[in-house]
Protein backbone atom coordinates (compact mmCIF):
# COMPACT_ATOMS: atom_id res chain seq x y z
CA UNK A 1 12.05 -20.71 -12.47
CA UNK A 2 10.37 -19.05 -9.47
CA UNK A 3 11.31 -20.31 -6.05
CA UNK A 4 8.62 -21.49 -3.64
CA UNK A 5 8.90 -21.46 0.13
CA UNK A 6 8.89 -24.77 1.96
CA UNK A 7 9.25 -25.70 5.61
CA UNK A 8 12.64 -26.78 6.85
CA UNK A 9 13.21 -29.63 9.35
CA UNK A 10 13.71 -28.18 12.82
CA UNK A 11 13.28 -29.18 16.44
CA UNK A 12 13.36 -27.60 19.87
CA UNK A 13 16.82 -26.24 20.72
CA UNK A 14 16.70 -27.01 24.43
CA UNK A 15 17.75 -30.65 24.00
CA UNK A 16 20.65 -29.54 21.75
CA UNK A 17 21.78 -27.10 24.43
CA UNK A 18 21.66 -29.83 27.04
CA UNK A 19 23.75 -32.24 25.00
CA UNK A 20 26.08 -29.55 23.72
CA UNK A 21 26.91 -28.22 27.19
CA UNK A 22 27.18 -31.76 28.49
CA UNK A 23 29.70 -32.57 25.77
CA UNK A 24 31.77 -29.46 26.59
CA UNK A 25 31.82 -30.20 30.32
CA UNK A 26 32.58 -33.85 29.59
CA UNK A 27 35.58 -32.84 27.51
CA UNK A 28 37.02 -31.13 30.61
CA UNK A 29 36.77 -34.41 32.48
CA UNK A 30 38.46 -36.25 29.59
CA UNK A 31 41.33 -33.78 29.45
CA UNK A 32 41.76 -34.18 33.24
CA UNK A 33 42.44 -37.88 32.69
CA UNK A 34 45.63 -37.05 30.80
CA UNK A 35 47.40 -36.33 34.12
CA UNK A 36 46.38 -39.69 35.58
CA UNK A 37 47.25 -41.67 32.42
CA UNK A 38 50.47 -40.12 31.12
CA UNK A 39 51.43 -43.32 29.30
CA UNK A 40 48.65 -42.88 26.66
CA UNK A 41 47.67 -39.21 26.47
CA UNK A 42 46.82 -39.30 22.75
CA UNK A 43 43.52 -41.13 23.20
CA UNK A 44 42.33 -38.69 25.84
CA UNK A 45 43.47 -35.69 23.81
CA UNK A 46 41.65 -36.95 20.73
CA UNK A 47 38.53 -37.82 22.76
CA UNK A 48 38.48 -34.40 24.44
CA UNK A 49 38.91 -32.55 21.15
CA UNK A 50 36.17 -34.64 19.62
CA UNK A 51 33.79 -33.85 22.44
CA UNK A 52 34.57 -30.14 22.19
CA UNK A 53 33.89 -30.17 18.45
CA UNK A 54 30.70 -32.17 18.95
CA UNK A 55 29.47 -29.71 21.59
CA UNK A 56 30.15 -26.66 19.40
CA UNK A 57 28.49 -28.33 16.42
CA UNK A 58 25.36 -29.04 18.46
CA UNK A 59 25.25 -25.51 19.86
CA UNK A 60 25.91 -24.04 16.38
CA UNK A 61 22.59 -25.41 15.16
CA UNK A 62 20.59 -23.37 17.67
CA UNK A 63 18.84 -20.14 16.72
CA UNK A 64 16.30 -17.85 18.31
CA UNK A 65 13.33 -16.78 16.17
CA UNK A 66 11.14 -13.90 17.33
CA UNK A 67 7.43 -13.38 16.56
CA UNK A 68 6.73 -12.61 12.88
CA UNK A 69 10.28 -13.59 11.93
CA UNK A 70 11.68 -16.41 9.84
CA UNK A 71 15.05 -18.00 9.01
CA UNK A 72 15.88 -19.07 5.49
CA UNK A 73 18.32 -21.99 5.40
CA UNK A 74 20.78 -22.76 2.64
CA UNK A 75 23.00 -25.86 2.61
CA UNK A 76 26.17 -25.26 0.53
CA UNK A 77 24.32 -22.86 -1.74
CA UNK A 78 21.09 -24.87 -2.05
CA UNK A 79 17.82 -23.74 -0.52
CA UNK A 80 16.99 -26.07 2.38
CA UNK A 81 13.75 -24.53 3.63
CA UNK A 82 12.36 -21.86 5.91
CA UNK A 83 11.69 -22.00 9.66
CA UNK A 84 8.80 -19.82 10.87
CA UNK A 85 8.29 -21.31 14.36
CA UNK A 86 9.04 -18.75 17.03
CA UNK A 87 11.32 -19.61 19.97
CA UNK A 88 14.54 -21.59 20.34
CA UNK A 89 14.93 -23.92 17.37
CA UNK A 90 17.65 -26.33 16.25
CA UNK A 91 18.47 -27.07 12.62
CA UNK A 92 21.32 -28.60 10.69
CA UNK A 93 24.34 -26.71 12.04
CA UNK A 94 26.02 -26.73 8.62
CA UNK A 95 23.32 -24.59 7.01
CA UNK A 96 23.52 -20.82 6.59
CA UNK A 97 20.67 -19.03 8.32
CA UNK A 98 19.37 -15.73 6.90
CA UNK A 99 16.81 -13.76 8.89
CA UNK A 100 13.73 -12.33 7.18
CA UNK A 101 11.14 -10.14 8.91
CA UNK A 102 7.48 -11.02 8.28
CA UNK A 103 6.20 -7.85 9.90
CA UNK A 104 4.24 -5.24 7.99
CA UNK A 105 6.46 -2.45 6.63
CA UNK A 106 5.67 0.89 5.04
CA UNK A 107 7.45 3.56 3.07
CA UNK A 108 6.58 6.76 1.24
CA UNK A 109 7.53 7.08 -2.41
CA UNK A 110 9.33 10.11 -3.67
CA UNK A 111 7.25 13.02 -5.00
CA UNK A 112 7.11 12.27 -8.72
CA UNK A 113 6.43 14.92 -11.34
CA UNK A 114 4.30 13.48 -14.15
CA UNK A 115 1.64 14.55 -16.61
CA UNK A 116 -1.91 13.38 -15.95
CA UNK A 117 -4.14 12.05 -18.69
CA UNK A 118 -5.05 15.65 -19.72
CA UNK A 119 -1.41 16.64 -20.01
CA UNK A 120 -1.27 18.74 -16.82
CA UNK A 121 2.01 18.45 -14.90
CA UNK A 122 1.34 17.29 -11.32
CA UNK A 123 3.30 16.11 -8.31
CA UNK A 124 2.22 12.81 -6.77
CA UNK A 125 3.49 10.51 -3.99
CA UNK A 126 2.08 7.49 -2.18
CA UNK A 127 2.39 5.53 1.06
CA UNK A 128 2.66 1.75 0.63
CA UNK A 129 2.17 -0.88 3.36
CA UNK A 130 3.58 -4.33 2.52
CA UNK A 131 4.98 -7.52 4.01
CA UNK A 132 6.86 -10.64 2.90
CA UNK A 133 4.69 -13.74 2.33
CA UNK A 134 7.18 -15.99 0.51
CA UNK A 135 10.69 -15.84 1.97
CA UNK A 136 12.26 -17.96 -0.77
CA UNK A 137 11.05 -15.65 -3.53
CA UNK A 138 12.04 -12.57 -1.55
CA UNK A 139 15.67 -13.71 -1.13
CA UNK A 140 16.37 -15.71 -4.25
CA UNK A 141 14.15 -14.41 -7.10
CA UNK A 142 15.13 -10.72 -6.88
CA UNK A 143 18.38 -8.98 -6.01
CA UNK A 144 17.05 -6.86 -3.13
CA UNK A 145 13.37 -7.22 -2.37
CA UNK A 146 13.15 -3.94 -0.40
CA UNK A 147 14.59 -1.91 -3.29
CA UNK A 148 12.49 -3.92 -5.79
CA UNK A 149 9.26 -3.09 -3.97
CA UNK A 150 10.08 0.60 -3.72
CA UNK A 151 11.02 1.00 -7.39
CA UNK A 152 7.99 -0.94 -8.62
CA UNK A 153 5.69 1.11 -6.37
CA UNK A 154 7.00 4.36 -7.85
CA UNK A 155 6.50 2.98 -11.34
CA UNK A 156 2.90 2.03 -10.48
CA UNK A 157 2.21 5.51 -9.07
CA UNK A 158 3.58 7.11 -12.24
CA UNK A 159 1.48 4.87 -14.45
CA UNK A 160 -1.65 5.53 -12.40
CA UNK A 161 -1.25 9.31 -12.65
CA UNK A 162 -0.82 9.11 -16.47
CA UNK A 163 -4.21 7.33 -16.86
CA UNK A 164 -6.40 9.61 -14.73
CA UNK A 165 -7.10 13.36 -14.58
CA UNK A 166 -6.13 15.38 -11.55
CA UNK A 167 -9.72 16.51 -11.03
CA UNK A 168 -13.03 16.22 -12.83
CA UNK A 169 -16.53 17.59 -12.29
CA UNK A 170 -18.00 14.59 -14.09
CA UNK A 171 -19.01 11.92 -11.53
CA UNK A 172 -18.55 9.20 -14.17
CA UNK A 173 -14.82 10.04 -14.58
CA UNK A 174 -12.44 8.66 -11.96
CA UNK A 175 -10.08 11.42 -10.90
CA UNK A 176 -7.06 11.35 -8.63
CA UNK A 177 -8.51 13.94 -6.24
CA UNK A 178 -12.21 13.12 -6.44
CA UNK A 179 -12.38 9.33 -6.04
CA UNK A 180 -9.58 8.65 -3.55
CA UNK A 181 -10.87 5.24 -2.41
CA UNK A 182 -11.21 3.88 -5.96
CA UNK A 183 -7.75 5.26 -6.86
CA UNK A 184 -6.21 3.70 -3.74
CA UNK A 185 -7.68 0.27 -4.54
CA UNK A 186 -6.51 0.48 -8.13
CA UNK A 187 -3.02 1.50 -6.99
CA UNK A 188 -2.88 -1.39 -4.50
CA UNK A 189 -3.86 -3.93 -7.17
CA UNK A 190 -1.27 -2.56 -9.65
CA UNK A 191 1.58 -2.60 -7.13
CA UNK A 192 0.56 -6.12 -6.01
CA UNK A 193 0.80 -7.34 -9.63
CA UNK A 194 4.19 -5.73 -10.07
CA UNK A 195 5.80 -7.12 -6.87
CA UNK A 196 4.57 -10.73 -7.17
CA UNK A 197 8.05 -11.99 -8.25
CA UNK A 198 9.45 -10.76 -4.91
CA UNK A 199 7.05 -12.85 -2.76
CA UNK A 200 5.50 -9.67 -1.31
CA UNK A 201 1.91 -8.80 -0.43
CA UNK A 202 0.75 -5.20 -0.58
CA UNK A 203 -1.59 -4.55 2.35
CA UNK A 204 -2.52 -0.96 1.48
CA UNK A 205 -1.47 1.82 -0.87
CA UNK A 206 -2.79 5.39 -0.81
CA UNK A 207 -1.88 8.72 -2.34
CA UNK A 208 -0.15 10.85 0.30
CA UNK A 209 0.76 13.90 -1.82
CA UNK A 210 -1.12 15.31 -4.78
CA UNK A 211 -0.67 18.83 -6.24
CA UNK A 212 -0.21 20.69 -9.47
CA UNK A 213 3.39 21.51 -10.37
CA UNK A 214 4.45 24.95 -9.02
CA UNK A 215 4.84 26.48 -12.46
CA UNK A 216 1.15 25.99 -13.30
CA UNK A 217 -0.39 25.83 -9.83
CA UNK A 218 -1.87 29.33 -9.93
CA UNK A 219 -3.29 29.01 -13.43
CA UNK A 220 -4.74 25.57 -12.66
CA UNK A 221 -6.28 26.91 -9.47
CA UNK A 222 -8.10 29.58 -11.47
CA UNK A 223 -9.18 26.96 -13.98
CA UNK A 224 -10.37 24.69 -11.20
CA UNK A 225 -12.35 27.53 -9.61
CA UNK A 226 -13.87 28.44 -12.97
CA UNK A 227 -14.83 24.84 -13.60
CA UNK A 228 -16.39 24.60 -10.16
CA UNK A 229 -18.39 27.76 -10.78
CA UNK A 230 -19.61 26.51 -14.16
CA UNK A 231 -20.59 23.15 -12.69
CA UNK A 232 -22.46 24.84 -9.84
CA UNK A 233 -24.27 27.28 -12.15
CA UNK A 234 -25.23 24.41 -14.45
CA UNK A 235 -26.92 22.61 -11.58
CA UNK A 236 -28.64 25.80 -10.49
CA UNK A 237 -30.05 26.39 -13.98
CA UNK A 238 -31.19 22.78 -14.26
CA UNK A 239 -32.99 23.04 -10.93
CA UNK A 240 -34.49 26.41 -11.81
CA UNK A 241 -35.90 25.18 -15.12
CA UNK A 242 -37.44 22.20 -13.33
CA UNK A 243 -39.03 24.50 -10.73
CA UNK A 244 -40.42 26.85 -13.40
CA UNK A 245 -41.85 23.90 -15.31
CA UNK A 246 -43.45 22.56 -12.13
CA UNK A 247 -44.94 26.01 -11.33
CA UNK A 248 -46.49 26.39 -14.77
CA UNK A 249 -47.94 22.88 -14.61
CA UNK A 250 -49.48 23.48 -11.19
CA UNK A 251 -51.01 26.79 -12.28
CA UNK A 252 -52.47 25.13 -15.34
CA UNK A 253 -53.84 22.13 -13.46
CA UNK A 254 -55.46 24.13 -10.70
CA UNK A 255 -56.84 26.85 -12.99
CA UNK A 256 -55.55 29.63 -10.79
CA UNK A 257 -54.79 31.94 -13.66
CA UNK A 258 -54.78 31.73 -17.45
CA UNK A 259 -51.64 33.09 -19.10
CA UNK A 260 -51.18 33.90 -22.76
CA UNK A 261 -47.82 33.02 -24.36
CA UNK A 262 -46.46 36.53 -23.83
CA UNK A 263 -47.35 36.64 -20.11
CA UNK A 264 -46.10 33.06 -19.70
CA UNK A 265 -42.73 34.03 -21.22
CA UNK A 266 -42.56 37.05 -18.89
CA UNK A 267 -43.30 34.83 -15.87
CA UNK A 268 -40.65 32.32 -16.91
CA UNK A 269 -38.13 35.13 -17.29
CA UNK A 270 -38.96 36.57 -13.87
CA UNK A 271 -38.77 33.19 -12.16
CA UNK A 272 -35.43 32.37 -13.74
CA UNK A 273 -34.05 35.73 -12.64
CA UNK A 274 -35.19 35.08 -9.09
CA UNK A 275 -33.96 31.45 -8.95
CA UNK A 276 -30.66 31.92 -10.79
CA UNK A 277 -29.66 35.37 -9.53
CA UNK A 278 -26.78 35.67 -7.09
CA UNK A 279 -28.32 38.63 -5.27
CA UNK A 280 -31.65 38.99 -3.52
CA UNK A 281 -34.36 40.28 -5.85
CA UNK A 282 -36.55 43.32 -5.14
CA UNK A 283 -40.22 42.49 -5.70
CA UNK A 284 -42.48 44.87 -7.62
CA UNK A 285 -46.08 44.91 -6.38
CA UNK A 286 -48.73 45.59 -9.06
CA UNK A 287 -51.65 47.42 -7.48
CA UNK A 288 -53.60 47.88 -10.70
CA UNK A 289 -55.17 45.42 -13.08
CA UNK A 290 -53.48 42.30 -14.30
CA UNK A 291 -52.64 44.01 -17.62
C-alpha cells in the first residue's frame, strides 16, 4: 500500500528551549541544596537528575528546518508525519527525524547507445529536473528515491529513442532531432509516470546529447545529406511545375501568344531547365521569326 504524506504535530521551539534551559539551571540549584541538607541527600539527587533529564528531553525535541526542507518523523518504526514549517520547531522528542530536501534537483543521464525506430544505432542522453512532492512516498515506498529516479529516467530515454527516428524530412513524423519541444514534453510525461511511486514530480526533461554511433556516423551523415538534397530538389521541382503552369495559364488568358503542343512542350522544357538548374542559364535571343 502506497504511503501518503500527512502533517505532524509541531510547535514553536522557543518555548521548549526556555523550559529546557530553565530545567537544567534549576537542577544546579537543586544539587547545591545537597550541601545544606546532608541528612537527606537522596531526594535532592533524584530531583536534580530528574530535572536534568527533563531538560535534555525538552531540548531533544527541537529541530531547525530551512526553506524548502522537511523533516519526516517516525515513532518506533511507525510514520508519525512530516513537518514542512521552516524555522525552529519542537516535536515529540522520542521520534526519529529524517531530513528531506524539497528543492529542485537535476542530473544528466549517461549517454545510452540504442537503436532508433529505423534500426540506426544512436547515442542519446538527457537532463532531468525534478523535486520531491511527497516525502512519505520518497522515503518509505522505494529503497532510494534518488537512485530510483535516475534509473527510471534512463529507462524512459531508452524507450523514447526506440519509438522515434533520429531524423526525418517528413513534417508529419516526430523525430528526435527535428521536433525537440514535442520530444521533450513526451519524455517529461513518461518519466513522470515512471517515478510516481517515489513521490517525485518531474519539472523538465530535455535531450542533452544526440548523435549517431561513431561506427556509422560518417555513413549516416552522407545519407542525411543525400536525404536533405532530395527533399530540397523535390520542393524546387514542385515549385517550378507550379510556376510553369501559372505562366501557361496567364499566356492563354491574356492571349499574348498562341502555342501549338510542340512549342508548348519546348517552353515547358526551357522553363524547367531555368527554374530547376543549379547554375545560371545563358539566354539565346532569337532575332528571326517565331518559327
